[in-house]
Amino acid sequence: MKYSIRSARAQDCRDIERMIMELALYEKMPDQVKISHKELERDGFGPNPFYQCLVAEVPEERSSAEGHTVVGYVLYYYTYSTWSGRCIYMEDLYVMPQFRGEGIGKALMASVAKVCREQQCVRLQFSVLDWNKPSLEFYLSKGAQDLTDKEGWHLLRFDGEALESLAEEAP
């Protein structure tokens, strides 16, 4: 299948929003999505972008039944390891179901790995739900390490009231 990978543009944010919701539905968490294309535009295409994004695009003649030509995305941002240095965190990797199995997901992930190399990052990190066996197997087949098993890391989060409460403790 013919497709291209390119940097997302502000005008892609409606498509990215659509695919974020598709991913949330797949992950059984649609109620967790609290942002829209407006926040995506502000946070990714303003003077100090919080994230970077690549999209996969197919020609018009290969568009989805709904007419979409942007059929996948990978959203990532830079982090820093005090032990190793520069890193990239891959927040989302998604390809519309009817376009899976064509190498698009691999191409998106490999493109982020290429950014890692170009930016002299030492690792690409991401999370995957424990029940998402197809994705987990895909990542492991590409050489990813499962740090849950290997090093025993737990992924933790503060949000909502817990985050507010913690912030109130700041001097």
C-alpha atoms as a PDB file:
ATOM      1  CA  MET A   1       0.000   0.000   0.000  1.00  0.00           C
ATOM      2  CA  LYS A   2       1.216   3.452  -0.849  1.00  0.00           C
ATOM      3  CA  TYR A   3       1.396   5.885   2.085  1.00  0.00           C
ATOM      4  CA  SER A   4       3.613   8.667   3.351  1.00  0.00           C
ATOM      5  CA  ILE A   5       4.810   9.685   6.800  1.00  0.00           C
ATOM      6  CA  ARG A   6       5.107  13.400   7.464  1.00  0.00           C
ATOM      7  CA  SER A   7       5.182  15.919  10.293  1.00  0.00           C
ATOM      8  CA  ALA A   8       1.719  16.853  11.440  1.00  0.00           C
ATOM      9  CA  ARG A   9       0.433  20.338  10.673  1.00  0.00           C
ATOM     10  CA  ALA A  10      -2.055  22.397  12.675  1.00  0.00           C
ATOM     11  CA  GLN A  11      -4.777  21.583  10.148  1.00  0.00           C
ATOM     12  CA  ASP A  12      -4.314  17.858  10.950  1.00  0.00           C
ATOM     13  CA  CYS A  13      -5.519  18.332  14.523  1.00  0.00           C
ATOM     14  CA  ARG A  14      -9.138  17.414  13.733  1.00  0.00           C
ATOM     15  CA  ASP A  15      -7.940  14.116  12.241  1.00  0.00           C
ATOM     16  CA  ILE A  16      -5.616  13.544  15.198  1.00  0.00           C
ATOM     17  CA  GLU A  17      -8.500  14.256  17.591  1.00  0.00           C
ATOM     18  CA  ARG A  18     -10.666  11.742  15.698  1.00  0.00           C
ATOM     19  CA  MET A  19      -7.977   9.060  15.927  1.00  0.00           C
ATOM     20  CA  ILE A  20      -7.307   9.801  19.614  1.00  0.00           C
ATOM     21  CA  MET A  21     -10.974   9.041  20.238  1.00  0.00           C
ATOM     22  CA  GLU A  22     -10.775   5.864  18.126  1.00  0.00           C
ATOM     23  CA  LEU A  23      -7.757   4.775  20.183  1.00  0.00           C
ATOM     24  CA  ALA A  24      -9.572   5.585  23.434  1.00  0.00           C
ATOM     25  CA  LEU A  25     -12.545   3.480  22.318  1.00  0.00           C
ATOM     26  CA  TYR A  26     -10.194   0.592  21.476  1.00  0.00           C
ATOM     27  CA  GLU A  27      -8.540   0.951  24.884  1.00  0.00           C
ATOM     28  CA  LYS A  28     -12.011   0.978  26.527  1.00  0.00           C
ATOM     29  CA  MET A  29     -11.468   4.466  27.990  1.00  0.00           C
ATOM     30  CA  PRO A  30     -13.401   6.958  25.822  1.00  0.00           C
ATOM     31  CA  ASP A  31     -14.482   8.918  28.907  1.00  0.00           C
ATOM     32  CA  GLN A  32     -10.820   9.714  29.641  1.00  0.00           C
ATOM     33  CA  VAL A  33     -10.418  11.961  26.568  1.00  0.00           C
ATOM     34  CA  LYS A  34     -10.725  15.572  27.741  1.00  0.00           C
ATOM     35  CA  ILE A  35      -9.065  17.491  24.906  1.00  0.00           C
ATOM     36  CA  SER A  36     -10.155  18.612  21.461  1.00  0.00           C
ATOM     37  CA  HIS A  37      -8.447  19.768  18.305  1.00  0.00           C
ATOM     38  CA  LYS A  38      -8.207  23.234  19.899  1.00  0.00           C
ATOM     39  CA  GLU A  39      -5.918  22.033  22.683  1.00  0.00           C
ATOM     40  CA  LEU A  40      -3.963  19.924  20.207  1.00  0.00           C
ATOM     41  CA  GLU A  41      -3.385  23.006  18.049  1.00  0.00           C
ATOM     42  CA  ARG A  42      -2.417  25.167  21.026  1.00  0.00           C
ATOM     43  CA  ASP A  43      -0.143  22.585  22.639  1.00  0.00           C
ATOM     44  CA  GLY A  44       1.544  21.223  19.521  1.00  0.00           C
ATOM     45  CA  PHE A  45       1.790  24.189  17.205  1.00  0.00           C
ATOM     46  CA  GLY A  46       2.331  27.207  19.451  1.00  0.00           C
ATOM     47  CA  PRO A  47       5.587  28.985  20.273  1.00  0.00           C
ATOM     48  CA  ASN A  48       6.706  26.275  22.755  1.00  0.00           C
ATOM     49  CA  PRO A  49       5.229  22.954  21.574  1.00  0.00           C
ATOM     50  CA  PHE A  50       4.574  20.360  24.270  1.00  0.00           C
ATOM     51  CA  TYR A  51       4.602  17.511  21.769  1.00  0.00           C
ATOM     52  CA  GLN A  52       5.604  16.454  18.268  1.00  0.00           C
ATOM     53  CA  CYS A  53       3.463  14.381  15.942  1.00  0.00           C
ATOM     54  CA  LEU A  54       3.884  12.463  12.722  1.00  0.00           C
ATOM     55  CA  VAL A  55       0.958  11.339  10.598  1.00  0.00           C
ATOM     56  CA  ALA A  56       0.493   8.611   8.026  1.00  0.00           C
ATOM     57  CA  GLU A  57      -1.355   9.694   4.918  1.00  0.00           C
ATOM     58  CA  VAL A  58      -2.707   7.697   2.002  1.00  0.00           C
ATOM     59  CA  PRO A  59      -3.619   9.008  -1.460  1.00  0.00           C
ATOM     60  CA  GLU A  60      -7.229  10.115  -2.049  1.00  0.00           C
ATOM     61  CA  GLU A  61      -7.977   6.949  -4.011  1.00  0.00           C
ATOM     62  CA  ARG A  62      -7.031   4.861  -0.920  1.00  0.00           C
ATOM     63  CA  SER A  63      -9.021   6.967   1.580  1.00  0.00           C
ATOM     64  CA  SER A  64     -11.194   5.325   4.225  1.00  0.00           C
ATOM     65  CA  ALA A  65     -14.905   4.727   3.648  1.00  0.00           C
ATOM     66  CA  GLU A  66     -15.504   8.023   5.475  1.00  0.00           C
ATOM     67  CA  GLY A  67     -13.062   9.837   3.167  1.00  0.00           C
ATOM     68  CA  HIS A  68     -10.133  10.133   5.588  1.00  0.00           C
ATOM     69  CA  THR A  69      -6.644  10.249   4.098  1.00  0.00           C
ATOM     70  CA  VAL A  70      -4.821  10.778   7.423  1.00  0.00           C
ATOM     71  CA  VAL A  71      -5.006   7.199   8.698  1.00  0.00           C
ATOM     72  CA  GLY A  72      -2.447   6.987  11.509  1.00  0.00           C
ATOM     73  CA  TYR A  73      -0.390   9.062  13.888  1.00  0.00           C
ATOM     74  CA  VAL A  74       2.357   8.882  16.446  1.00  0.00           C
ATOM     75  CA  LEU A  75       2.517  11.555  19.146  1.00  0.00           C
ATOM     76  CA  TYR A  76       5.713  11.924  21.153  1.00  0.00           C
ATOM     77  CA  TYR A  77       7.671  14.347  23.323  1.00  0.00           C
ATOM     78  CA  TYR A  78      11.140  14.740  24.771  1.00  0.00           C
ATOM     79  CA  THR A  79      12.014  13.648  28.294  1.00  0.00           C
ATOM     80  CA  TYR A  80      15.253  13.378  30.191  1.00  0.00           C
ATOM     81  CA  SER A  81      16.800  10.554  32.173  1.00  0.00           C
ATOM     82  CA  THR A  82      19.121  11.618  34.963  1.00  0.00           C
ATOM     83  CA  TRP A  83      20.914   8.306  34.436  1.00  0.00           C
ATOM     84  CA  SER A  84      21.174   8.244  30.663  1.00  0.00           C
ATOM     85  CA  GLY A  85      20.318  11.619  29.122  1.00  0.00           C
ATOM     86  CA  ARG A  86      17.970  12.510  26.284  1.00  0.00           C
ATOM     87  CA  CYS A  87      14.876  10.359  25.698  1.00  0.00           C
ATOM     88  CA  ILE A  88      11.651  10.398  23.738  1.00  0.00           C
ATOM     89  CA  TYR A  89       8.343   9.251  25.198  1.00  0.00           C
ATOM     90  CA  MET A  90       5.890   7.880  22.638  1.00  0.00           C
ATOM     91  CA  GLU A  91       2.457   8.783  23.992  1.00  0.00           C
ATOM     92  CA  ASP A  92       0.343   7.290  21.207  1.00  0.00           C
ATOM     93  CA  LEU A  93       0.858   5.103  18.163  1.00  0.00           C
ATOM     94  CA  TYR A  94      -2.331   4.471  16.215  1.00  0.00           C
ATOM     95  CA  VAL A  95      -3.371   3.238  12.783  1.00  0.00           C
ATOM     96  CA  MET A  96      -7.004   2.990  11.721  1.00  0.00           C
ATOM     97  CA  PRO A  97      -8.108  -0.682  11.746  1.00  0.00           C
ATOM     98  CA  GLN A  98      -8.701  -0.965   7.997  1.00  0.00           C
ATOM     99  CA  PHE A  99      -5.119   0.195   7.338  1.00  0.00           C
ATOM    100  CA  ARG A 100      -3.361  -2.143   9.779  1.00  0.00           C
ATOM    101  CA  GLY A 101      -1.070  -4.882   8.510  1.00  0.00           C
ATOM    102  CA  GLU A 102       0.328  -2.637   5.767  1.00  0.00           C
ATOM    103  CA  GLY A 103       3.487  -1.560   7.641  1.00  0.00           C
ATOM    104  CA  ILE A 104       2.142   1.869   8.599  1.00  0.00           C
ATOM    105  CA  GLY A 105       2.491   1.374  12.362  1.00  0.00           C
ATOM    106  CA  LYS A 106       6.026   0.069  11.944  1.00  0.00           C
ATOM    107  CA  ALA A 107       6.876   3.030   9.699  1.00  0.00           C
ATOM    108  CA  LEU A 108       5.497   5.527  12.226  1.00  0.00           C
ATOM    109  CA  MET A 109       7.437   3.942  15.093  1.00  0.00           C
ATOM    110  CA  ALA A 110      10.616   3.647  13.013  1.00  0.00           C
ATOM    111  CA  SER A 111      10.279   7.330  12.101  1.00  0.00           C
ATOM    112  CA  VAL A 112      10.239   8.260  15.795  1.00  0.00           C
ATOM    113  CA  ALA A 113      13.270   6.008  16.341  1.00  0.00           C
ATOM    114  CA  LYS A 114      14.985   7.937  13.543  1.00  0.00           C
ATOM    115  CA  VAL A 115      14.186  11.206  15.353  1.00  0.00           C
ATOM    116  CA  CYS A 116      15.718   9.647  18.491  1.00  0.00           C
ATOM    117  CA  ARG A 117      18.890   8.895  16.604  1.00  0.00           C
ATOM    118  CA  GLU A 118      19.037  12.321  14.945  1.00  0.00           C
ATOM    119  CA  GLN A 119      18.500  14.084  18.289  1.00  0.00           C
ATOM    120  CA  GLN A 120      21.028  11.846  20.057  1.00  0.00           C
ATOM    121  CA  CYS A 121      18.402  10.364  22.366  1.00  0.00           C
ATOM    122  CA  VAL A 122      19.371   7.199  24.191  1.00  0.00           C
ATOM    123  CA  ARG A 123      15.946   5.580  24.360  1.00  0.00           C
ATOM    124  CA  LEU A 124      12.359   5.525  23.186  1.00  0.00           C
ATOM    125  CA  GLN A 125       9.907   4.778  25.979  1.00  0.00           C
ATOM    126  CA  PHE A 126       6.172   4.097  25.996  1.00  0.00           C
ATOM    127  CA  SER A 127       3.433   2.229  27.842  1.00  0.00           C
ATOM    128  CA  VAL A 128       1.058  -0.455  26.632  1.00  0.00           C
ATOM    129  CA  LEU A 129      -2.002  -1.855  28.390  1.00  0.00           C
ATOM    130  CA  ASP A 130      -1.440  -5.356  29.764  1.00  0.00           C
ATOM    131  CA  TRP A 131      -4.421  -6.814  27.857  1.00  0.00           C
ATOM    132  CA  ASN A 132      -3.301  -5.337  24.510  1.00  0.00           C
ATOM    133  CA  LYS A 133      -1.442  -8.469  23.449  1.00  0.00           C
ATOM    134  CA  PRO A 134      -1.226  -7.678  19.702  1.00  0.00           C
ATOM    135  CA  SER A 135       0.537  -4.363  20.396  1.00  0.00           C
ATOM    136  CA  LEU A 136       2.729  -5.815  23.133  1.00  0.00           C
ATOM    137  CA  GLU A 137       3.819  -8.667  20.869  1.00  0.00           C
ATOM    138  CA  PHE A 138       4.499  -6.213  18.028  1.00  0.00           C
ATOM    139  CA  TYR A 139       6.724  -4.017  20.232  1.00  0.00           C
ATOM    140  CA  LEU A 140       8.572  -6.995  21.693  1.00  0.00           C
ATOM    141  CA  SER A 141       9.137  -8.424  18.202  1.00  0.00           C
ATOM    142  CA  LYS A 142      10.864  -5.159  17.293  1.00  0.00           C
ATOM    143  CA  GLY A 143      13.220  -5.435  20.273  1.00  0.00           C
ATOM    144  CA  ALA A 144      11.411  -3.448  22.971  1.00  0.00           C
ATOM    145  CA  GLN A 145      12.073  -4.495  26.557  1.00  0.00           C
ATOM    146  CA  ASP A 146       9.207  -4.998  29.017  1.00  0.00           C
ATOM    147  CA  LEU A 147      10.497  -3.093  32.046  1.00  0.00           C
ATOM    148  CA  THR A 148       7.603  -4.354  34.183  1.00  0.00           C
ATOM    149  CA  ASP A 149       9.113  -7.817  34.056  1.00  0.00           C
ATOM    150  CA  LYS A 150      12.763  -6.867  33.625  1.00  0.00           C
ATOM    151  CA  GLU A 151      13.152  -4.080  36.203  1.00  0.00           C
ATOM    152  CA  GLY A 152       9.876  -4.023  38.138  1.00  0.00           C
ATOM    153  CA  TRP A 153       8.908  -0.418  37.369  1.00  0.00           C
ATOM    154  CA  HIS A 154       5.383   0.785  38.174  1.00  0.00           C
ATOM    155  CA  LEU A 155       3.779   3.599  36.204  1.00  0.00           C
ATOM    156  CA  LEU A 156       2.244   6.125  38.622  1.00  0.00           C
ATOM    157  CA  ARG A 157       0.201   9.278  38.116  1.00  0.00           C
ATOM    158  CA  PHE A 158      -1.127  12.265  40.032  1.00  0.00           C
ATOM    159  CA  ASP A 159      -4.206  13.941  38.573  1.00  0.00           C
ATOM    160  CA  GLY A 160      -7.397  15.684  39.658  1.00  0.00           C
ATOM    161  CA  GLU A 161      -7.732  16.229  43.399  1.00  0.00           C
ATOM    162  CA  ALA A 162      -4.521  14.326  44.170  1.00  0.00           C
ATOM    163  CA  LEU A 163      -2.539  16.675  41.911  1.00  0.00           C
ATOM    164  CA  GLU A 164      -4.239  19.749  43.363  1.00  0.00           C
ATOM    165  CA  SER A 165      -3.605  18.539  46.906  1.00  0.00           C
ATOM    166  CA  LEU A 166       0.056  17.882  46.193  1.00  0.00           C
ATOM    167  CA  ALA A 167       0.456  21.314  44.576  1.00  0.00           C
ATOM    168  CA  GLU A 168      -1.009  22.931  47.689  1.00  0.00           C
ATOM    169  CA  GLU A 169       1.907  21.464  49.682  1.00  0.00           C
ATOM    170  CA  ALA A 170       4.447  23.459  47.652  1.00  0.00           C
ATOM    171  CA  PRO A 171       6.216  26.232  49.575  1.00  0.00           C
END
